[in-house]
N, C-alpha and C. Protein backbone atom coordinates (compact mmCIF):
# COMPACT_ATOMS: atom_id res chain seq x y z
N MET A 1 178.91 -60.97 34.12
CA MET A 1 178.85 -59.40 33.75
C MET A 1 178.37 -58.75 35.17
N LYS A 2 177.48 -59.41 35.80
CA LYS A 2 177.02 -58.75 36.94
C LYS A 2 178.19 -58.56 38.27
N HIS A 3 179.07 -59.35 38.23
CA HIS A 3 180.25 -59.14 38.88
C HIS A 3 181.08 -57.85 38.68
N ILE A 4 180.99 -57.73 37.40
CA ILE A 4 181.91 -56.77 36.99
C ILE A 4 181.19 -55.08 37.04
N LEU A 5 179.99 -55.12 37.09
CA LEU A 5 179.01 -54.04 37.48
C LEU A 5 179.19 -53.70 38.95
N VAL A 6 179.12 -54.80 39.79
CA VAL A 6 179.26 -54.42 41.12
C VAL A 6 180.76 -53.93 41.64
N ILE A 7 181.92 -54.46 40.74
CA ILE A 7 183.13 -54.07 41.24
C ILE A 7 183.34 -52.69 40.75
N ILE A 8 182.60 -52.29 39.59
CA ILE A 8 182.90 -50.86 39.26
C ILE A 8 182.10 -50.00 39.99
N SER A 9 181.03 -50.51 40.28
CA SER A 9 180.24 -49.63 41.31
C SER A 9 180.75 -49.24 42.73
N VAL A 10 181.34 -50.34 43.19
CA VAL A 10 182.14 -50.17 44.49
C VAL A 10 183.38 -49.30 44.34
N PHE A 11 183.94 -49.44 43.30
CA PHE A 11 185.17 -48.59 42.91
C PHE A 11 184.91 -47.03 42.70
N VAL A 12 183.77 -46.78 42.04
CA VAL A 12 183.37 -45.43 41.84
C VAL A 12 182.88 -44.87 43.16
N LEU A 13 182.00 -45.68 44.09
CA LEU A 13 181.70 -45.14 45.35
C LEU A 13 182.96 -44.80 46.24
N ALA A 14 183.86 -45.86 46.22
CA ALA A 14 184.88 -45.60 47.15
C ALA A 14 186.00 -44.49 46.59
N THR A 15 186.07 -44.15 45.47
CA THR A 15 186.84 -43.09 44.80
C THR A 15 185.85 -41.67 45.27
N PHE A 16 184.69 -41.68 45.06
CA PHE A 16 183.95 -40.62 45.39
C PHE A 16 183.96 -40.36 46.93
N THR A 17 183.94 -41.38 47.80
CA THR A 17 184.01 -41.13 49.30
C THR A 17 185.47 -40.53 49.67
N PHE A 18 186.45 -41.13 49.08
CA PHE A 18 187.87 -40.92 49.50
C PHE A 18 188.30 -39.23 48.84
N THR A 19 187.94 -39.00 47.88
CA THR A 19 188.06 -37.59 47.24
C THR A 19 187.39 -36.31 47.93
N SER A 20 185.98 -36.93 48.42
CA SER A 20 185.11 -35.92 49.07
C SER A 20 185.38 -35.52 50.53
N PHE A 21 186.04 -36.42 51.27
CA PHE A 21 186.40 -36.29 52.60
C PHE A 21 187.96 -36.29 53.03
N GLY A 22 188.52 -36.55 52.21
CA GLY A 22 189.93 -36.87 52.41
C GLY A 22 190.98 -35.73 52.55
N CYS A 23 190.43 -34.65 51.62
CA CYS A 23 191.16 -33.45 51.60
C CYS A 23 190.85 -32.45 52.30
N ASP A 24 189.82 -32.34 53.10
CA ASP A 24 189.29 -31.07 53.78
C ASP A 24 190.49 -30.94 55.09
N LYS A 25 191.08 -29.98 54.70
CA LYS A 25 192.27 -29.76 55.90
C LYS A 25 191.90 -28.13 56.52
N LYS A 26 191.77 -27.96 57.51
CA LYS A 26 191.81 -26.74 58.09
C LYS A 26 192.90 -26.04 58.12
N THR A 27 193.22 -24.95 57.49
CA THR A 27 194.44 -24.12 57.56
C THR A 27 194.67 -22.88 58.00
N ASP A 28 193.26 -22.50 58.31
CA ASP A 28 193.21 -21.11 58.99
C ASP A 28 194.19 -21.08 60.41
N CYS A 29 194.54 -19.75 60.74
CA CYS A 29 195.43 -19.53 61.79
C CYS A 29 194.59 -18.53 62.56
N ASN A 30 194.23 -18.92 63.68
CA ASN A 30 193.37 -18.31 64.71
C ASN A 30 194.01 -17.64 65.77
N ALA A 31 194.04 -16.15 66.15
CA ALA A 31 194.74 -15.64 67.18
C ALA A 31 193.70 -15.01 67.96
N THR A 32 193.86 -15.29 69.34
CA THR A 32 192.86 -14.80 70.27
C THR A 32 193.94 -13.93 71.31
N ILE A 33 193.50 -12.42 71.53
CA ILE A 33 194.27 -11.62 72.37
C ILE A 33 193.43 -11.31 73.25
N THR A 34 193.88 -11.32 74.69
CA THR A 34 193.30 -10.88 75.91
C THR A 34 194.03 -9.68 76.17
N VAL A 35 193.45 -8.52 76.49
CA VAL A 35 194.07 -7.31 77.24
C VAL A 35 193.83 -7.16 78.72
N VAL A 36 194.61 -6.94 79.48
CA VAL A 36 194.55 -6.99 81.06
C VAL A 36 195.21 -5.72 81.41
N ASP A 37 195.00 -5.18 82.41
CA ASP A 37 195.69 -4.32 83.32
C ASP A 37 195.83 -4.90 84.75
N SER A 38 196.36 -3.89 85.67
CA SER A 38 196.56 -4.18 86.90
C SER A 38 195.06 -4.71 87.68
N SER A 39 194.11 -3.92 87.17
CA SER A 39 192.89 -4.30 87.62
C SER A 39 191.95 -5.29 87.05
N GLY A 40 192.33 -5.74 86.04
CA GLY A 40 191.73 -7.04 85.26
C GLY A 40 191.54 -6.87 83.97
N ILE A 41 190.28 -7.14 83.08
CA ILE A 41 190.12 -6.93 81.87
C ILE A 41 189.93 -5.51 81.40
N VAL A 42 190.53 -5.26 80.16
CA VAL A 42 190.28 -3.99 79.48
C VAL A 42 189.48 -4.00 78.21
N SER A 43 188.25 -3.23 78.18
CA SER A 43 187.30 -3.47 77.05
C SER A 43 187.84 -2.09 76.11
N ASN A 44 187.57 -2.13 74.96
CA ASN A 44 187.59 -1.05 74.27
C ASN A 44 189.05 -0.63 73.72
N ALA A 45 190.11 -1.69 74.12
CA ALA A 45 191.41 -1.40 73.63
C ALA A 45 191.81 -1.56 72.15
N THR A 46 192.43 -0.89 71.33
CA THR A 46 192.95 -1.10 70.23
C THR A 46 194.16 -2.03 70.26
N VAL A 47 194.10 -3.18 69.42
CA VAL A 47 195.06 -4.20 69.35
C VAL A 47 195.46 -4.24 67.85
N LYS A 48 196.58 -4.10 67.74
CA LYS A 48 197.29 -4.25 66.33
C LYS A 48 198.21 -5.32 66.21
N LEU A 49 198.15 -6.15 65.08
CA LEU A 49 199.05 -7.20 64.83
C LEU A 49 199.75 -6.91 63.47
N PHE A 50 201.06 -6.90 63.64
CA PHE A 50 202.02 -6.54 62.58
C PHE A 50 203.40 -7.34 62.51
N ALA A 51 204.10 -7.26 61.50
CA ALA A 51 205.25 -7.95 61.34
C ALA A 51 206.38 -6.84 60.88
N ASN A 52 207.28 -6.65 61.79
CA ASN A 52 208.35 -5.78 61.40
C ASN A 52 209.39 -6.42 60.56
N VAL A 53 209.86 -5.88 59.54
CA VAL A 53 210.68 -6.45 58.70
C VAL A 53 211.77 -5.47 58.47
N LYS A 54 213.02 -6.30 58.66
CA LYS A 54 214.47 -5.42 58.50
C LYS A 54 214.79 -5.66 57.10
N SER A 55 215.31 -4.72 56.47
CA SER A 55 215.96 -4.81 55.14
C SER A 55 217.27 -3.81 55.23
N GLY A 56 218.42 -4.34 55.44
CA GLY A 56 219.65 -3.58 55.73
C GLY A 56 219.54 -2.91 56.84
N SER A 57 219.53 -1.50 57.00
CA SER A 57 219.17 -0.66 58.18
C SER A 57 218.03 -0.10 58.33
N THR A 58 217.11 -0.55 57.50
CA THR A 58 215.72 0.06 57.53
C THR A 58 214.68 -0.71 57.88
N ASN A 59 213.87 -0.51 58.89
CA ASN A 59 212.91 -1.11 59.49
C ASN A 59 211.48 -0.94 58.75
N TYR A 60 210.64 -1.69 58.54
CA TYR A 60 209.28 -1.41 58.05
C TYR A 60 208.24 -2.58 58.39
N VAL A 61 206.95 -2.13 58.43
CA VAL A 61 205.88 -2.97 58.59
C VAL A 61 205.55 -3.78 57.21
N ALA A 62 205.48 -5.02 57.40
CA ALA A 62 204.88 -5.75 56.45
C ALA A 62 203.64 -5.52 56.05
N ASP A 63 203.33 -5.82 54.56
CA ASP A 63 201.74 -5.68 54.33
C ASP A 63 200.70 -6.52 55.12
N VAL A 64 200.99 -7.52 55.69
CA VAL A 64 200.19 -8.43 56.22
C VAL A 64 200.01 -7.74 57.83
N LYS A 65 198.79 -7.29 58.21
CA LYS A 65 198.50 -6.65 59.44
C LYS A 65 197.11 -6.55 59.85
N ALA A 66 197.06 -6.49 60.79
CA ALA A 66 195.34 -6.38 61.52
C ALA A 66 195.19 -5.58 62.55
N THR A 67 193.81 -4.86 62.66
CA THR A 67 193.64 -4.16 63.84
C THR A 67 192.16 -4.50 64.35
N GLY A 68 192.08 -4.56 65.58
CA GLY A 68 190.72 -4.76 66.21
C GLY A 68 190.58 -4.03 67.37
N THR A 69 189.35 -4.29 67.98
CA THR A 69 189.23 -3.62 69.23
C THR A 69 188.45 -4.60 70.20
N THR A 70 188.89 -4.58 71.39
CA THR A 70 188.61 -5.61 72.52
C THR A 70 187.08 -5.53 72.68
N ASP A 71 186.60 -6.78 73.05
CA ASP A 71 185.05 -6.76 73.56
C ASP A 71 185.09 -6.45 74.79
N GLU A 72 183.97 -6.50 75.32
CA GLU A 72 183.41 -6.42 76.87
C GLU A 72 184.26 -7.25 77.89
N GLY A 73 184.82 -8.53 77.29
CA GLY A 73 185.52 -9.44 78.15
C GLY A 73 187.24 -9.17 77.66
N GLY A 74 187.40 -8.13 77.11
CA GLY A 74 188.95 -7.77 77.02
C GLY A 74 189.56 -8.64 76.00
N VAL A 75 188.69 -9.25 74.86
CA VAL A 75 189.07 -10.04 73.88
C VAL A 75 188.99 -9.59 72.49
N VAL A 76 190.00 -9.77 71.79
CA VAL A 76 189.70 -9.53 70.30
C VAL A 76 190.34 -10.81 69.47
N LYS A 77 189.58 -11.24 68.30
CA LYS A 77 190.15 -12.37 67.44
C LYS A 77 190.53 -12.01 66.10
N PHE A 78 191.44 -12.62 65.57
CA PHE A 78 191.88 -12.54 64.30
C PHE A 78 191.99 -13.82 63.69
N THR A 79 191.69 -14.17 62.42
CA THR A 79 192.04 -15.13 61.58
C THR A 79 192.87 -14.82 60.27
N PHE A 80 194.04 -15.49 60.04
CA PHE A 80 194.79 -15.46 59.05
C PHE A 80 194.81 -16.77 58.31
N LYS A 81 195.12 -16.64 56.97
CA LYS A 81 195.27 -17.83 55.89
C LYS A 81 196.54 -18.84 56.14
N LEU A 82 197.53 -17.67 56.43
CA LEU A 82 198.85 -18.45 56.59
C LEU A 82 199.40 -18.28 57.92
N PRO A 83 200.48 -19.20 58.40
CA PRO A 83 201.18 -19.17 59.58
C PRO A 83 201.93 -18.02 59.63
N ALA A 84 202.25 -17.16 60.66
CA ALA A 84 203.07 -16.02 60.93
C ALA A 84 203.39 -15.79 62.29
N ILE A 85 204.37 -15.00 62.32
CA ILE A 85 204.77 -14.45 63.80
C ILE A 85 204.63 -12.64 63.78
N PHE A 86 203.59 -12.36 64.80
CA PHE A 86 203.22 -10.93 64.57
C PHE A 86 203.72 -10.32 66.01
N ASP A 87 204.15 -9.17 65.96
CA ASP A 87 204.01 -8.22 67.15
C ASP A 87 202.70 -7.76 67.43
N ILE A 88 202.67 -7.44 68.89
CA ILE A 88 201.37 -7.23 69.11
C ILE A 88 201.56 -5.71 69.81
N ASN A 89 200.36 -4.79 69.65
CA ASN A 89 200.55 -3.43 70.26
C ASN A 89 199.47 -3.06 70.64
N ALA A 90 198.74 -3.07 72.11
CA ALA A 90 197.68 -2.82 72.61
C ALA A 90 197.74 -1.57 73.26
N THR A 91 196.77 -0.75 72.92
CA THR A 91 196.60 0.47 73.45
C THR A 91 195.36 0.86 73.99
N LYS A 92 195.25 1.90 75.07
CA LYS A 92 193.89 2.07 75.75
C LYS A 92 194.07 3.62 76.22
N VAL A 93 193.38 4.52 75.62
CA VAL A 93 193.49 6.00 75.98
C VAL A 93 192.56 6.18 77.18
N VAL A 94 192.79 6.71 78.48
CA VAL A 94 191.89 7.00 79.25
C VAL A 94 192.20 8.49 79.66
N GLY A 95 191.28 9.31 79.38
CA GLY A 95 191.64 10.90 79.53
C GLY A 95 192.76 11.32 78.60
N THR A 96 193.82 11.71 79.22
CA THR A 96 195.01 12.25 78.67
C THR A 96 195.96 11.19 78.81
N HIS A 97 196.02 10.00 79.34
CA HIS A 97 196.96 9.01 79.60
C HIS A 97 196.63 7.91 78.61
N THR A 98 197.96 7.63 77.86
CA THR A 98 197.79 6.37 77.00
C THR A 98 198.29 5.07 77.43
N TYR A 99 197.62 4.10 77.92
CA TYR A 99 198.22 2.81 78.16
C TYR A 99 198.81 1.85 77.10
N VAL A 100 199.94 1.24 77.33
CA VAL A 100 200.49 0.61 75.97
C VAL A 100 200.96 -0.89 76.64
N GLY A 101 200.61 -1.66 75.90
CA GLY A 101 201.27 -3.30 76.03
C GLY A 101 201.63 -3.73 74.82
N THR A 102 202.63 -4.66 74.99
CA THR A 102 203.19 -5.30 73.52
C THR A 102 203.50 -6.70 73.89
N GLY A 103 203.60 -7.44 72.97
CA GLY A 103 203.85 -8.92 72.95
C GLY A 103 204.12 -9.56 71.52
N ILE A 104 204.49 -10.76 71.51
CA ILE A 104 204.68 -11.51 70.32
C ILE A 104 203.71 -12.73 70.13
N ILE A 105 203.24 -13.17 69.14
CA ILE A 105 202.43 -14.11 68.90
C ILE A 105 202.60 -14.97 67.57
N LYS A 106 202.63 -16.34 67.93
CA LYS A 106 203.25 -17.17 66.80
C LYS A 106 201.85 -17.86 66.12
N LEU A 107 201.47 -18.00 64.98
CA LEU A 107 200.49 -18.51 64.55
C LEU A 107 200.90 -19.60 63.66
N GLU A 108 200.07 -20.97 63.93
CA GLU A 108 200.49 -22.12 63.28
C GLU A 108 199.36 -22.33 62.51
N GLU A 109 199.58 -23.31 61.41
CA GLU A 109 198.62 -23.88 60.33
C GLU A 109 197.56 -24.73 61.04
N GLY A 110 196.27 -24.27 60.99
CA GLY A 110 195.17 -25.13 61.53
C GLY A 110 194.87 -24.99 63.01
N LYS A 111 195.55 -24.16 63.67
CA LYS A 111 195.74 -24.00 65.23
C LYS A 111 195.11 -22.55 65.62
N GLY A 112 194.82 -22.70 66.88
CA GLY A 112 194.56 -21.38 67.52
C GLY A 112 195.36 -21.00 68.41
N THR A 113 195.89 -19.72 68.70
CA THR A 113 196.81 -19.30 69.57
C THR A 113 196.29 -18.19 70.46
N GLU A 114 196.50 -18.29 71.80
CA GLU A 114 195.82 -17.19 72.57
C GLU A 114 197.04 -16.45 73.31
N LYS A 115 196.98 -15.22 73.56
CA LYS A 115 197.77 -14.49 74.11
C LYS A 115 197.32 -13.58 75.19
N THR A 116 197.88 -13.27 76.04
CA THR A 116 197.45 -12.19 77.09
C THR A 116 198.57 -11.13 77.11
N VAL A 117 197.94 -9.89 76.87
CA VAL A 117 198.97 -8.63 76.70
C VAL A 117 198.38 -7.83 78.15
N THR A 118 199.50 -7.41 78.98
CA THR A 118 199.13 -6.38 79.92
C THR A 118 199.49 -5.07 79.25
N ILE A 119 198.64 -4.23 79.66
CA ILE A 119 198.94 -2.62 79.55
C ILE A 119 199.21 -1.88 80.61
N LYS A 120 200.25 -1.05 80.79
CA LYS A 120 200.78 -0.29 81.90
C LYS A 120 200.53 1.39 81.28
């Protein structure tokens, strides 16, 4: 009888251990965008991530999109729950002139992706 209790205890402990730690998978997709110009980093630039979708001859922007502002280091970060491919549009207004930069970023499940966008 003592051996049966030991076997059952080990089985319960092993089941708890494997179910508690075996399924924690990080699936977030992180995007880090750095905005630069000819003189270096650009703070306070507006960065938009969006997906253009084509339906026949009509283009429209998908519902999944994000907007952020670069920090003092010229960086803005986004986190999404699912993988995606986004267009990047970075803008900075100085006086009456608007500087613009574009790019594309591919986000993969559980990974971080970095992209540098140059505005002109």
